[in-house]
Amino acid sequence: MALGRDALAGSWIHAHEEDRGGERVYRPSAYELPPSRGRDALELHADGTLVGRGPGPADAPEEDGGTWEVRGDTLVLHLAGGERVLEVVSVDPERLVLRLVA
């Protein structure tokens, strides 16, 4: 699957209830998810910048900025903590499914 930035750009929230077999499911930020103590989120901007959010100590949200790119069927996140490579299993306007590669 050859992906373009347009398919991935947007604000995505981790719907951990839908995860299966090493696959992480993300939904658009406007999607109604059940309450949770904390959810990871990715804002993938069309210009290649990103903002990652997740629960930190004491469940206070933390942000991490960086850049992102598409390489074939993978999403590569360049964050302060290092590079994360994720296989894009599927993507459509309502659901993004990722699997950690490295």
Protein backbone atom coordinates (compact mmCIF):
# COMPACT_ATOMS: atom_id res chain seq x y z
CA MET A 1 0.00 0.00 0.00
CA ALA A 2 1.52 3.32 -1.03
CA LEU A 3 0.28 6.04 1.26
CA GLY A 4 0.11 9.78 0.85
CA ARG A 5 0.26 12.38 3.59
CA ASP A 6 -3.36 13.37 3.00
CA ALA A 7 -4.61 9.96 4.16
CA LEU A 8 -2.82 10.30 7.52
CA ALA A 9 -2.89 14.03 8.26
CA GLY A 10 -5.28 14.89 11.06
CA SER A 11 -5.86 14.56 14.77
CA TRP A 12 -6.09 10.94 15.94
CA ILE A 13 -6.91 9.54 19.41
CA HIS A 14 -5.95 6.04 20.56
CA ALA A 15 -9.07 3.86 20.94
CA HIS A 16 -7.33 1.22 23.09
CA GLU A 17 -10.62 -0.68 23.46
CA GLU A 18 -10.34 -1.65 19.79
CA ASP A 19 -6.69 -2.81 19.84
CA ARG A 20 -6.09 -6.41 18.72
CA GLY A 21 -3.01 -8.56 18.31
CA GLY A 22 -0.37 -5.84 18.43
CA GLU A 23 -2.42 -3.41 16.34
CA ARG A 24 -3.20 0.02 17.76
CA VAL A 25 -6.44 1.64 16.63
CA TYR A 26 -6.82 5.42 16.40
CA ARG A 27 -10.01 7.38 15.74
CA PRO A 28 -10.44 11.02 14.64
CA SER A 29 -10.46 13.45 17.58
CA ALA A 30 -14.17 14.20 17.00
CA TYR A 31 -15.07 10.49 17.39
CA GLU A 32 -17.02 9.75 20.59
CA LEU A 33 -14.97 7.37 22.72
CA PRO A 34 -15.91 6.10 26.19
CA PRO A 35 -14.29 7.84 29.18
CA SER A 36 -10.72 6.78 29.90
CA ARG A 37 -8.07 7.79 32.44
CA GLY A 38 -5.81 8.90 29.63
CA ARG A 39 -5.42 8.40 25.92
CA ASP A 40 -2.52 8.81 23.56
CA ALA A 41 -3.14 11.17 20.67
CA LEU A 42 -1.33 12.13 17.48
CA GLU A 43 -1.76 15.38 15.58
CA LEU A 44 -0.21 14.84 12.16
CA HIS A 45 -0.04 18.19 10.38
CA ALA A 46 0.08 18.41 6.58
CA ASP A 47 3.40 20.31 6.76
CA GLY A 48 5.12 17.27 8.34
CA THR A 49 5.10 18.48 11.93
CA LEU A 50 3.44 16.52 14.70
CA VAL A 51 2.29 16.82 18.27
CA GLY A 52 2.07 13.67 20.38
CA ARG A 53 0.06 13.63 23.58
CA GLY A 54 -0.21 11.05 26.31
CA PRO A 55 -0.79 10.62 30.02
CA GLY A 56 2.21 11.55 32.12
CA PRO A 57 2.89 11.25 35.84
CA ALA A 58 -0.28 11.54 37.93
CA ASP A 59 -2.29 11.22 34.69
CA ALA A 60 -1.46 14.82 33.71
CA PRO A 61 -1.27 15.08 29.90
CA GLU A 62 2.16 15.59 28.35
CA GLU A 63 3.04 16.80 24.84
CA ASP A 64 5.98 15.96 22.61
CA GLY A 65 6.63 17.65 19.27
CA GLY A 66 8.46 16.45 16.23
CA THR A 67 8.06 15.61 12.58
CA TRP A 68 6.58 12.75 10.58
CA GLU A 69 6.98 11.19 7.17
CA VAL A 70 5.57 8.36 5.09
CA ARG A 71 7.93 5.67 3.76
CA GLY A 72 6.00 3.18 1.61
CA ASP A 73 3.42 1.68 3.97
CA THR A 74 5.04 2.99 7.16
CA LEU A 75 4.57 6.09 9.27
CA VAL A 76 7.84 7.36 10.73
CA LEU A 77 7.63 9.63 13.78
CA HIS A 78 10.69 11.71 14.66
CA LEU A 79 10.32 12.68 18.34
CA ALA A 80 12.71 14.02 20.97
CA GLY A 81 12.92 10.50 22.43
CA GLY A 82 13.91 8.96 19.10
CA GLU A 83 12.40 7.58 15.93
CA ARG A 84 9.31 5.34 15.92
CA VAL A 85 8.42 3.33 12.83
CA LEU A 86 4.83 2.15 12.54
CA GLU A 87 3.30 -0.02 9.83
CA VAL A 88 0.04 1.43 8.56
CA VAL A 89 -2.23 -1.62 8.55
CA SER A 90 -5.22 0.39 7.32
CA VAL A 91 -6.48 3.95 7.16
CA ASP A 92 -9.76 5.58 6.25
CA PRO A 93 -11.43 8.79 7.48
CA GLU A 94 -12.87 7.01 10.57
CA ARG A 95 -10.05 4.66 11.60
CA LEU A 96 -6.26 4.45 11.56
CA VAL A 97 -4.66 1.08 12.46
CA LEU A 98 -0.93 0.97 13.25
CA ARG A 99 1.54 -1.75 14.23
CA LEU A 100 4.91 -0.92 15.84
CA VAL A 101 7.86 -1.90 13.66
CA ALA A 102 10.74 -0.22 15.51
